[in-house]
Amino acid sequence: KGTAWKESVQRYEMNLLRNINHTQKELANGTYEQKDF
């Protein structure tokens, strides 16, 4: 919300289910690492 126009958000949404699945696996197996600010 409020950022849907951003290119990074649109790229993420183009492969939304794949990205969600990738995040889900990282969180489940404890390998998730936050990117730099």
PDB file of all heavy atoms in Angstrom:
ATOM      1  N   LYS A   1       0.832  -1.194   0.000  1.00  0.00           N
ATOM      2  CA  LYS A   1       0.000   0.000   0.000  1.00  0.00           C
ATOM      3  C   LYS A   1       0.875   1.255   0.000  1.00  0.00           C
ATOM      4  O   LYS A   1       1.760   1.418   0.828  1.00  0.00           O
ATOM      5  CB  LYS A   1      -0.931   0.010   1.219  1.00  0.00           C
ATOM      6  CG  LYS A   1      -2.051  -1.026   1.141  1.00  0.00           C
ATOM      7  CD  LYS A   1      -2.980  -0.929   2.344  1.00  0.00           C
ATOM      8  CE  LYS A   1      -4.134  -1.919   2.219  1.00  0.00           C
ATOM      9  NZ  LYS A   1      -5.046  -1.851   3.390  1.00  0.00           N
ATOM     10  N   GLY A   2       0.594   2.129  -0.939  1.00  0.00           N
ATOM     11  CA  GLY A   2       1.355   3.362  -1.063  1.00  0.00           C
ATOM     12  C   GLY A   2       2.648   3.224  -1.826  1.00  0.00           C
ATOM     13  O   GLY A   2       3.305   4.214  -2.135  1.00  0.00           O
ATOM     14  N   THR A   3       3.039   1.963  -2.138  1.00  0.00           N
ATOM     15  CA  THR A   3       4.293   1.737  -2.860  1.00  0.00           C
ATOM     16  C   THR A   3       4.108   0.848  -4.077  1.00  0.00           C
ATOM     17  O   THR A   3       5.093   0.391  -4.670  1.00  0.00           O
ATOM     18  CB  THR A   3       5.351   1.098  -1.936  1.00  0.00           C
ATOM     19  OG1 THR A   3       4.875  -0.179  -1.472  1.00  0.00           O
ATOM     20  CG2 THR A   3       5.639   1.982  -0.736  1.00  0.00           C
ATOM     21  N   ALA A   4       2.851   0.576  -4.441  1.00  0.00           N
ATOM     22  CA  ALA A   4       2.578  -0.332  -5.556  1.00  0.00           C
ATOM     23  C   ALA A   4       3.188   0.155  -6.868  1.00  0.00           C
ATOM     24  O   ALA A   4       3.440  -0.637  -7.779  1.00  0.00           O
ATOM     25  CB  ALA A   4       1.070  -0.536  -5.715  1.00  0.00           C
ATOM     26  N   TRP A   5       3.432   1.456  -6.975  1.00  0.00           N
ATOM     27  CA  TRP A   5       3.990   2.037  -8.200  1.00  0.00           C
ATOM     28  C   TRP A   5       5.480   1.771  -8.353  1.00  0.00           C
ATOM     29  O   TRP A   5       6.032   1.911  -9.457  1.00  0.00           O
ATOM     30  CB  TRP A   5       3.767   3.546  -8.203  1.00  0.00           C
ATOM     31  CG  TRP A   5       4.340   4.242  -6.990  1.00  0.00           C
ATOM     32  CD1 TRP A   5       3.706   4.442  -5.792  1.00  0.00           C
ATOM     33  CD2 TRP A   5       5.649   4.800  -6.854  1.00  0.00           C
ATOM     34  NE1 TRP A   5       4.544   5.088  -4.914  1.00  0.00           N
ATOM     35  CE2 TRP A   5       5.746   5.325  -5.539  1.00  0.00           C
ATOM     36  CE3 TRP A   5       6.748   4.914  -7.702  1.00  0.00           C
ATOM     37  CZ2 TRP A   5       6.890   5.947  -5.060  1.00  0.00           C
ATOM     38  CZ3 TRP A   5       7.902   5.537  -7.227  1.00  0.00           C
ATOM     39  CH2 TRP A   5       7.961   6.045  -5.929  1.00  0.00           C
ATOM     40  N   LYS A   6       6.165   1.387  -7.283  1.00  0.00           N
ATOM     41  CA  LYS A   6       7.608   1.184  -7.331  1.00  0.00           C
ATOM     42  C   LYS A   6       7.959  -0.041  -8.183  1.00  0.00           C
ATOM     43  O   LYS A   6       7.285  -1.063  -8.143  1.00  0.00           O
ATOM     44  CB  LYS A   6       8.180   1.017  -5.933  1.00  0.00           C
ATOM     45  CG  LYS A   6       8.141   2.285  -5.087  1.00  0.00           C
ATOM     46  CD  LYS A   6       8.842   2.066  -3.761  1.00  0.00           C
ATOM     47  CE  LYS A   6       8.881   3.361  -2.947  1.00  0.00           C
ATOM     48  NZ  LYS A   6       9.583   3.165  -1.650  1.00  0.00           N
ATOM     49  N   GLU A   7       9.066   0.085  -8.920  1.00  0.00           N
ATOM     50  CA  GLU A   7       9.505  -0.989  -9.798  1.00  0.00           C
ATOM     51  C   GLU A   7       9.811  -2.267  -9.023  1.00  0.00           C
ATOM     52  O   GLU A   7       9.471  -3.373  -9.453  1.00  0.00           O
ATOM     53  CB  GLU A   7      10.734  -0.553 -10.596  1.00  0.00           C
ATOM     54  CG  GLU A   7      11.211  -1.591 -11.617  1.00  0.00           C
ATOM     55  CD  GLU A   7      12.443  -1.135 -12.375  1.00  0.00           C
ATOM     56  OE1 GLU A   7      12.803   0.064 -12.263  1.00  0.00           O
ATOM     57  OE2 GLU A   7      13.058  -1.963 -13.082  1.00  0.00           O
ATOM     58  N   SER A   8      10.459  -2.126  -7.857  1.00  0.00           N
ATOM     59  CA  SER A   8      10.824  -3.300  -7.058  1.00  0.00           C
ATOM     60  C   SER A   8       9.587  -4.061  -6.583  1.00  0.00           C
ATOM     61  O   SER A   8       9.586  -5.297  -6.554  1.00  0.00           O
ATOM     62  CB  SER A   8      11.668  -2.876  -5.858  1.00  0.00           C
ATOM     63  OG  SER A   8      10.963  -1.964  -5.026  1.00  0.00           O
ATOM     64  N   VAL A   9       8.529  -3.324  -6.223  1.00  0.00           N
ATOM     65  CA  VAL A   9       7.283  -3.947  -5.776  1.00  0.00           C
ATOM     66  C   VAL A   9       6.605  -4.658  -6.943  1.00  0.00           C
ATOM     67  O   VAL A   9       6.098  -5.770  -6.805  1.00  0.00           O
ATOM     68  CB  VAL A   9       6.344  -2.901  -5.149  1.00  0.00           C
ATOM     69  CG1 VAL A   9       5.011  -3.547  -4.749  1.00  0.00           C
ATOM     70  CG2 VAL A   9       6.996  -2.255  -3.923  1.00  0.00           C
ATOM     71  N   GLN A  10       6.601  -4.030  -8.115  1.00  0.00           N
ATOM     72  CA  GLN A  10       5.981  -4.633  -9.289  1.00  0.00           C
ATOM     73  C   GLN A  10       6.718  -5.893  -9.733  1.00  0.00           C
ATOM     74  O   GLN A  10       6.083  -6.881 -10.132  1.00  0.00           O
ATOM     75  CB  GLN A  10       5.920  -3.605 -10.418  1.00  0.00           C
ATOM     76  CG  GLN A  10       4.973  -2.447 -10.132  1.00  0.00           C
ATOM     77  CD  GLN A  10       4.975  -1.388 -11.200  1.00  0.00           C
ATOM     78  OE1 GLN A  10       5.614  -1.535 -12.246  1.00  0.00           O
ATOM     79  NE2 GLN A  10       4.268  -0.294 -10.961  1.00  0.00           N
ATOM     80  N   ARG A  11       8.043  -5.863  -9.650  1.00  0.00           N
ATOM     81  CA  ARG A  11       8.817  -7.058  -9.995  1.00  0.00           C
ATOM     82  C   ARG A  11       8.506  -8.194  -9.032  1.00  0.00           C
ATOM     83  O   ARG A  11       8.379  -9.356  -9.432  1.00  0.00           O
ATOM     84  CB  ARG A  11      10.319  -6.741  -9.974  1.00  0.00           C
ATOM     85  CG  ARG A  11      10.822  -5.955 -11.166  1.00  0.00           C
ATOM     86  CD  ARG A  11      12.333  -6.130 -11.320  1.00  0.00           C
ATOM     87  NE  ARG A  11      13.041  -5.822 -10.086  1.00  0.00           N
ATOM     88  CZ  ARG A  11      13.543  -4.629  -9.780  1.00  0.00           C
ATOM     89  NH1 ARG A  11      13.420  -3.622 -10.643  1.00  0.00           N
ATOM     90  NH2 ARG A  11      14.182  -4.436  -8.638  1.00  0.00           N
ATOM     91  N   TYR A  12       8.410  -7.861  -7.748  1.00  0.00           N
ATOM     92  CA  TYR A  12       8.087  -8.858  -6.736  1.00  0.00           C
ATOM     93  C   TYR A  12       6.709  -9.463  -7.000  1.00  0.00           C
ATOM     94  O   TYR A  12       6.523 -10.684  -6.914  1.00  0.00           O
ATOM     95  CB  TYR A  12       8.141  -8.220  -5.346  1.00  0.00           C
ATOM     96  CG  TYR A  12       7.971  -9.182  -4.195  1.00  0.00           C
ATOM     97  CD1 TYR A  12       9.069  -9.796  -3.615  1.00  0.00           C
ATOM     98  CD2 TYR A  12       6.707  -9.470  -3.685  1.00  0.00           C
ATOM     99  CE1 TYR A  12       8.923 -10.677  -2.542  1.00  0.00           C
ATOM    100  CE2 TYR A  12       6.550 -10.343  -2.619  1.00  0.00           C
ATOM    101  CZ  TYR A  12       7.657 -10.937  -2.051  1.00  0.00           C
ATOM    102  OH  TYR A  12       7.502 -11.810  -0.997  1.00  0.00           O
ATOM    103  N   GLU A  13       5.747  -8.630  -7.354  1.00  0.00           N
ATOM    104  CA  GLU A  13       4.379  -9.095  -7.567  1.00  0.00           C
ATOM    105  C   GLU A  13       4.248  -9.937  -8.837  1.00  0.00           C
ATOM    106  O   GLU A  13       3.368 -10.799  -8.920  1.00  0.00           O
ATOM    107  CB  GLU A  13       3.417  -7.910  -7.622  1.00  0.00           C
ATOM    108  CG  GLU A  13       1.958  -8.310  -7.564  1.00  0.00           C
ATOM    109  CD  GLU A  13       1.031  -7.137  -7.316  1.00  0.00           C
ATOM    110  OE1 GLU A  13       1.471  -5.964  -7.483  1.00  0.00           O
ATOM    111  OE2 GLU A  13      -0.120  -7.369  -6.919  1.00  0.00           O
ATOM    112  N   MET A  14       5.095  -9.692  -9.832  1.00  0.00           N
ATOM    113  CA  MET A  14       5.048 -10.475 -11.069  1.00  0.00           C
ATOM    114  C   MET A  14       5.272 -11.963 -10.799  1.00  0.00           C
ATOM    115  O   MET A  14       4.721 -12.822 -11.484  1.00  0.00           O
ATOM    116  CB  MET A  14       6.098  -9.957 -12.061  1.00  0.00           C
ATOM    117  CG  MET A  14       5.735  -8.643 -12.724  1.00  0.00           C
ATOM    118  SD  MET A  14       7.080  -8.024 -13.778  1.00  0.00           S
ATOM    119  CE  MET A  14       7.151  -9.346 -15.007  1.00  0.00           C
ATOM    120  N   ASN A  15       6.094 -12.267  -9.787  1.00  0.00           N
ATOM    121  CA  ASN A  15       6.340 -13.658  -9.397  1.00  0.00           C
ATOM    122  C   ASN A  15       5.951 -13.845  -7.925  1.00  0.00           C
ATOM    123  O   ASN A  15       6.712 -14.393  -7.129  1.00  0.00           O
ATOM    124  CB  ASN A  15       7.807 -14.034  -9.605  1.00  0.00           C
ATOM    125  CG  ASN A  15       8.216 -13.992 -11.060  1.00  0.00           C
ATOM    126  OD1 ASN A  15       7.813 -14.844 -11.851  1.00  0.00           O
ATOM    127  ND2 ASN A  15       9.004 -12.992 -11.437  1.00  0.00           N
ATOM    128  N   LEU A  16       4.755 -13.375  -7.607  1.00  0.00           N
ATOM    129  CA  LEU A  16       4.329 -13.290  -6.217  1.00  0.00           C
ATOM    130  C   LEU A  16       4.346 -14.643  -5.514  1.00  0.00           C
ATOM    131  O   LEU A  16       4.947 -14.791  -4.446  1.00  0.00           O
ATOM    132  CB  LEU A  16       2.932 -12.667  -6.125  1.00  0.00           C
ATOM    133  CG  LEU A  16       2.342 -12.527  -4.706  1.00  0.00           C
ATOM    134  CD1 LEU A  16       3.252 -11.686  -3.825  1.00  0.00           C
ATOM    135  CD2 LEU A  16       0.940 -11.910  -4.766  1.00  0.00           C
ATOM    136  N   LEU A  17       3.700 -15.636  -6.086  1.00  0.00           N
ATOM    137  CA  LEU A  17       3.604 -16.935  -5.422  1.00  0.00           C
ATOM    138  C   LEU A  17       4.973 -17.587  -5.258  1.00  0.00           C
ATOM    139  O   LEU A  17       5.253 -18.200  -4.220  1.00  0.00           O
ATOM    140  CB  LEU A  17       2.666 -17.851  -6.201  1.00  0.00           C
ATOM    141  CG  LEU A  17       1.191 -17.424  -6.228  1.00  0.00           C
ATOM    142  CD1 LEU A  17       0.356 -18.429  -7.002  1.00  0.00           C
ATOM    143  CD2 LEU A  17       0.642 -17.245  -4.819  1.00  0.00           C
ATOM    144  N   ARG A  18       5.830 -17.448  -6.269  1.00  0.00           N
ATOM    145  CA  ARG A  18       7.174 -18.000  -6.169  1.00  0.00           C
ATOM    146  C   ARG A  18       7.958 -17.294  -5.052  1.00  0.00           C
ATOM    147  O   ARG A  18       8.665 -17.953  -4.269  1.00  0.00           O
ATOM    148  CB  ARG A  18       7.901 -17.851  -7.498  1.00  0.00           C
ATOM    149  CG  ARG A  18       9.315 -18.453  -7.511  1.00  0.00           C
ATOM    150  CD  ARG A  18       9.962 -18.271  -8.875  1.00  0.00           C
ATOM    151  NE  ARG A  18       9.213 -18.997  -9.899  1.00  0.00           N
ATOM    152  CZ  ARG A  18       9.496 -18.935 -11.190  1.00  0.00           C
ATOM    153  NH1 ARG A  18      10.489 -18.161 -11.619  1.00  0.00           N
ATOM    154  NH2 ARG A  18       8.768 -19.631 -12.063  1.00  0.00           N
ATOM    155  N   ASN A  19       7.843 -15.965  -4.980  1.00  0.00           N
ATOM    156  CA  ASN A  19       8.549 -15.204  -3.945  1.00  0.00           C
ATOM    157  C   ASN A  19       8.029 -15.534  -2.551  1.00  0.00           C
ATOM    158  O   ASN A  19       8.804 -15.648  -1.595  1.00  0.00           O
ATOM    159  CB  ASN A  19       8.422 -13.703  -4.217  1.00  0.00           C
ATOM    160  CG  ASN A  19       9.266 -13.243  -5.392  1.00  0.00           C
ATOM    161  OD1 ASN A  19      10.372 -13.744  -5.606  1.00  0.00           O
ATOM    162  ND2 ASN A  19       8.766 -12.277  -6.154  1.00  0.00           N
ATOM    163  N   ILE A  20       6.722 -15.672  -2.417  1.00  0.00           N
ATOM    164  CA  ILE A  20       6.125 -16.044  -1.139  1.00  0.00           C
ATOM    165  C   ILE A  20       6.598 -17.420  -0.713  1.00  0.00           C
ATOM    166  O   ILE A  20       6.957 -17.650   0.450  1.00  0.00           O
ATOM    167  CB  ILE A  20       4.589 -15.995  -1.214  1.00  0.00           C
ATOM    168  CG1 ILE A  20       4.090 -14.563  -1.365  1.00  0.00           C
ATOM    169  CG2 ILE A  20       3.959 -16.657   0.019  1.00  0.00           C
ATOM    170  CD1 ILE A  20       4.356 -13.667  -0.195  1.00  0.00           C
ATOM    171  N   ASN A  21       6.619 -18.340  -1.649  1.00  0.00           N
ATOM    172  CA  ASN A  21       7.077 -19.699  -1.360  1.00  0.00           C
ATOM    173  C   ASN A  21       8.534 -19.717  -0.922  1.00  0.00           C
ATOM    174  O   ASN A  21       8.905 -20.427   0.021  1.00  0.00           O
ATOM    175  CB  ASN A  21       6.888 -20.586  -2.586  1.00  0.00           C
ATOM    176  CG  ASN A  21       7.304 -22.030  -2.345  1.00  0.00           C
ATOM    177  OD1 ASN A  21       8.352 -22.476  -2.808  1.00  0.00           O
ATOM    178  ND2 ASN A  21       6.501 -22.773  -1.627  1.00  0.00           N
ATOM    179  N   HIS A  22       9.365 -18.889  -1.579  1.00  0.00           N
ATOM    180  CA  HIS A  22      10.787 -18.807  -1.229  1.00  0.00           C
ATOM    181  C   HIS A  22      10.959 -18.257   0.190  1.00  0.00           C
ATOM    182  O   HIS A  22      11.736 -18.806   0.987  1.00  0.00           O
ATOM    183  CB  HIS A  22      11.514 -17.924  -2.243  1.00  0.00           C
ATOM    184  CG  HIS A  22      12.967 -17.729  -1.935  1.00  0.00           C
ATOM    185  ND1 HIS A  22      13.913 -18.729  -2.099  1.00  0.00           N
ATOM    186  CD2 HIS A  22      13.640 -16.636  -1.452  1.00  0.00           C
ATOM    187  CE1 HIS A  22      15.097 -18.272  -1.736  1.00  0.00           C
ATOM    188  NE2 HIS A  22      14.966 -17.008  -1.346  1.00  0.00           N
ATOM    189  N   THR A  23      10.221 -17.194   0.512  1.00  0.00           N
ATOM    190  CA  THR A  23      10.283 -16.604   1.854  1.00  0.00           C
ATOM    191  C   THR A  23       9.794 -17.597   2.899  1.00  0.00           C
ATOM    192  O   THR A  23      10.377 -17.719   3.981  1.00  0.00           O
ATOM    193  CB  THR A  23       9.444 -15.313   1.917  1.00  0.00           C
ATOM    194  OG1 THR A  23       9.961 -14.353   1.002  1.00  0.00           O
ATOM    195  CG2 THR A  23       9.460 -14.724   3.323  1.00  0.00           C
ATOM    196  N   GLN A  24       8.726 -18.293   2.591  1.00  0.00           N
ATOM    197  CA  GLN A  24       8.164 -19.279   3.515  1.00  0.00           C
ATOM    198  C   GLN A  24       9.188 -20.353   3.857  1.00  0.00           C
ATOM    199  O   GLN A  24       9.351 -20.715   5.033  1.00  0.00           O
ATOM    200  CB  GLN A  24       6.917 -19.909   2.896  1.00  0.00           C
ATOM    201  CG  GLN A  24       6.187 -20.866   3.831  1.00  0.00           C
ATOM    202  CD  GLN A  24       4.975 -21.484   3.155  1.00  0.00           C
ATOM    203  OE1 GLN A  24       4.987 -21.759   1.955  1.00  0.00           O
ATOM    204  NE2 GLN A  24       3.914 -21.692   3.920  1.00  0.00           N
ATOM    205  N   LYS A  25       9.895 -20.854   2.858  1.00  0.00           N
ATOM    206  CA  LYS A  25      10.904 -21.889   3.090  1.00  0.00           C
ATOM    207  C   LYS A  25      12.059 -21.356   3.943  1.00  0.00           C
ATOM    208  O   LYS A  25      12.543 -22.049   4.845  1.00  0.00           O
ATOM    209  CB  LYS A  25      11.431 -22.423   1.758  1.00  0.00           C
ATOM    210  CG  LYS A  25      10.432 -23.289   1.001  1.00  0.00           C
ATOM    211  CD  LYS A  25      11.024 -23.794  -0.308  1.00  0.00           C
ATOM    212  CE  LYS A  25      10.030 -24.698  -1.035  1.00  0.00           C
ATOM    213  NZ  LYS A  25      10.580 -25.174  -2.335  1.00  0.00           N
ATOM    214  N   GLU A  26      12.508 -20.138   3.665  1.00  0.00           N
ATOM    215  CA  GLU A  26      13.602 -19.546   4.433  1.00  0.00           C
ATOM    216  C   GLU A  26      13.218 -19.373   5.905  1.00  0.00           C
ATOM    217  O   GLU A  26      14.014 -19.641   6.805  1.00  0.00           O
ATOM    218  CB  GLU A  26      13.998 -18.201   3.838  1.00  0.00           C
ATOM    219  CG  GLU A  26      14.776 -18.293   2.536  1.00  0.00           C
ATOM    220  CD  GLU A  26      15.311 -16.936   2.111  1.00  0.00           C
ATOM    221  OE1 GLU A  26      14.642 -15.911   2.406  1.00  0.00           O
ATOM    222  OE2 GLU A  26      16.385 -16.892   1.483  1.00  0.00           O
ATOM    223  N   LEU A  27      11.995 -18.921   6.157  1.00  0.00           N
ATOM    224  CA  LEU A  27      11.537 -18.728   7.530  1.00  0.00           C
ATOM    225  C   LEU A  27      11.375 -20.071   8.242  1.00  0.00           C
ATOM    226  O   LEU A  27      11.694 -20.204   9.422  1.00  0.00           O
ATOM    227  CB  LEU A  27      10.216 -17.963   7.539  1.00  0.00           C
ATOM    228  CG  LEU A  27      10.284 -16.486   7.132  1.00  0.00           C
ATOM    229  CD1 LEU A  27       8.880 -15.906   6.980  1.00  0.00           C
ATOM    230  CD2 LEU A  27      11.075 -15.664   8.142  1.00  0.00           C
ATOM    231  N   ALA A  28      10.892 -21.066   7.525  1.00  0.00           N
ATOM    232  CA  ALA A  28      10.644 -22.372   8.126  1.00  0.00           C
ATOM    233  C   ALA A  28      11.927 -23.091   8.516  1.00  0.00           C
ATOM    234  O   ALA A  28      12.000 -23.732   9.575  1.00  0.00           O
ATOM    235  CB  ALA A  28       9.822 -23.240   7.178  1.00  0.00           C
ATOM    236  N   ASN A  29      12.968 -22.962   7.656  1.00  0.00           N
ATOM    237  CA  ASN A  29      14.215 -23.671   7.962  1.00  0.00           C
ATOM    238  C   ASN A  29      15.263 -22.802   8.647  1.00  0.00           C
ATOM    239  O   ASN A  29      16.396 -23.238   8.874  1.00  0.00           O
ATOM    240  CB  ASN A  29      14.802 -24.315   6.694  1.00  0.00           C
ATOM    241  CG  ASN A  29      15.100 -23.292   5.592  1.00  0.00           C
ATOM    242  OD1 ASN A  29      15.455 -22.152   5.857  1.00  0.00           O
ATOM    243  ND2 ASN A  29      14.952 -23.733   4.331  1.00  0.00           N
ATOM    244  N   GLY A  30      14.888 -21.552   8.959  1.00  0.00           N
ATOM    245  CA  GLY A  30      15.776 -20.677   9.721  1.00  0.00           C
ATOM    246  C   GLY A  30      16.912 -20.062   8.949  1.00  0.00           C
ATOM    247  O   GLY A  30      17.901 -19.616   9.545  1.00  0.00           O
ATOM    248  N   THR A  31      16.816 -19.983   7.621  1.00  0.00           N
ATOM    249  CA  THR A  31      17.892 -19.423   6.800  1.00  0.00           C
ATOM    250  C   THR A  31      17.602 -17.994   6.341  1.00  0.00           C
ATOM    251  O   THR A  31      18.395 -17.396   5.617  1.00  0.00           O
ATOM    252  CB  THR A  31      18.144 -20.297   5.560  1.00  0.00           C
ATOM    253  OG1 THR A  31      16.948 -20.381   4.775  1.00  0.00           O
ATOM    254  CG2 THR A  31      18.583 -21.698   5.986  1.00  0.00           C
ATOM    255  N   TYR A  32      16.475 -17.431   6.763  1.00  0.00           N
ATOM    256  CA  TYR A  32      16.122 -16.075   6.333  1.00  0.00           C
ATOM    257  C   TYR A  32      17.114 -15.053   6.875  1.00  0.00           C
ATOM    258  O   TYR A  32      17.450 -15.048   8.062  1.00  0.00           O
ATOM    259  CB  TYR A  32      14.710 -15.714   6.785  1.00  0.00           C
ATOM    260  CG  TYR A  32      14.386 -14.237   6.636  1.00  0.00           C
ATOM    261  CD1 TYR A  32      14.011 -13.718   5.408  1.00  0.00           C
ATOM    262  CD2 TYR A  32      14.471 -13.374   7.723  1.00  0.00           C
ATOM    263  CE1 TYR A  32      13.722 -12.367   5.264  1.00  0.00           C
ATOM    264  CE2 TYR A  32      14.182 -12.023   7.591  1.00  0.00           C
ATOM    265  CZ  TYR A  32      13.806 -11.524   6.369  1.00  0.00           C
ATOM    266  OH  TYR A  32      13.536 -10.183   6.234  1.00  0.00           O
ATOM    267  N   GLU A  33      17.596 -14.168   6.004  1.00  0.00           N
ATOM    268  CA  GLU A  33      18.465 -13.068   6.383  1.00  0.00           C
ATOM    269  C   GLU A  33      17.940 -11.790   5.739  1.00  0.00           C
ATOM    270  O   GLU A  33      17.674 -11.756   4.542  1.00  0.00           O
ATOM    271  CB  GLU A  33      19.914 -13.306   5.926  1.00  0.00           C
ATOM    272  CG  GLU A  33      20.613 -14.470   6.619  1.00  0.00           C
ATOM    273  CD  GLU A  33      20.912 -14.188   8.084  1.00  0.00           C
ATOM    274  OE1 GLU A  33      20.961 -12.992   8.465  1.00  0.00           O
ATOM    275  OE2 GLU A  33      21.095 -15.162   8.846  1.00  0.00           O
ATOM    276  N   GLN A  34      17.783 -10.749   6.551  1.00  0.00           N
ATOM    277  CA  GLN A  34      17.279  -9.490   6.029  1.00  0.00           C
ATOM    278  C   GLN A  34      18.334  -8.806   5.170  1.00  0.00           C
ATOM    279  O   GLN A  34      19.517  -8.804   5.490  1.00  0.00           O
ATOM    280  CB  GLN A  34      16.869  -8.571   7.184  1.00  0.00           C
ATOM    281  CG  GLN A  34      16.244  -7.258   6.732  1.00  0.00           C
ATOM    282  CD  GLN A  34      15.725  -6.454   7.896  1.00  0.00           C
ATOM    283  OE1 GLN A  34      14.774  -6.853   8.567  1.00  0.00           O
ATOM    284  NE2 GLN A  34      16.334  -5.305   8.153  1.00  0.00           N
ATOM    285  N   LYS A  35      17.908  -8.196   4.069  1.00  0.00           N
ATOM    286  CA  LYS A  35      18.814  -7.475   3.189  1.00  0.00           C
ATOM    287  C   LYS A  35      19.221  -6.154   3.822  1.00  0.00           C
ATOM    288  O   LYS A  35      18.614  -5.686   4.785  1.00  0.00           O
ATOM    289  CB  LYS A  35      18.152  -7.239   1.825  1.00  0.00           C
ATOM    290  CG  LYS A  35      17.772  -8.511   1.077  1.00  0.00           C
ATOM    291  CD  LYS A  35      17.059  -8.179  -0.213  1.00  0.00           C
ATOM    292  CE  LYS A  35      16.691  -9.434  -0.994  1.00  0.00           C
ATOM    293  NZ  LYS A  35      15.746 -10.307  -0.221  1.00  0.00           N
ATOM    294  N   ASP A  36      20.259  -5.525   3.271  1.00  0.00           N
ATOM    295  CA  ASP A  36      20.712  -4.235   3.778  1.00  0.00           C
ATOM    296  C   ASP A  36      19.647  -3.166   3.565  1.00  0.00           C
ATOM    297  O   ASP A  36      18.843  -3.236   2.634  1.00  0.00           O
ATOM    298  CB  ASP A  36      22.007  -3.808   3.082  1.00  0.00           C
ATOM    299  CG  ASP A  36      23.193  -4.684   3.461  1.00  0.00           C
ATOM    300  OD1 ASP A  36      23.153  -5.304   4.549  1.00  0.00           O
ATOM    301  OD2 ASP A  36      24.154  -4.759   2.672  1.00  0.00           O
ATOM    302  N   PHE A  37      19.655  -2.175   4.456  1.00  0.00           N
ATOM    303  CA  PHE A  37      18.732  -1.058   4.334  1.00  0.00           C
ATOM    304  C   PHE A  37      19.139  -0.140   3.185  1.00  0.00           C
ATOM    305  O   PHE A  37      20.320  -0.012   2.852  1.00  0.00           O
ATOM    306  CB  PHE A  37      18.703  -0.227   5.619  1.00  0.00           C
ATOM    307  CG  PHE A  37      18.118  -0.933   6.804  1.00  0.00           C
ATOM    308  CD1 PHE A  37      18.942  -1.380   7.826  1.00  0.00           C
ATOM    309  CD2 PHE A  37      16.759  -1.143   6.907  1.00  0.00           C
ATOM    310  CE1 PHE A  37      18.413  -2.028   8.932  1.00  0.00           C
ATOM    311  CE2 PHE A  37      16.218  -1.788   8.004  1.00  0.00           C
ATOM    312  CZ  PHE A  37      17.048  -2.226   9.015  1.00  0.00           C
TER     313      PHE A  37
END
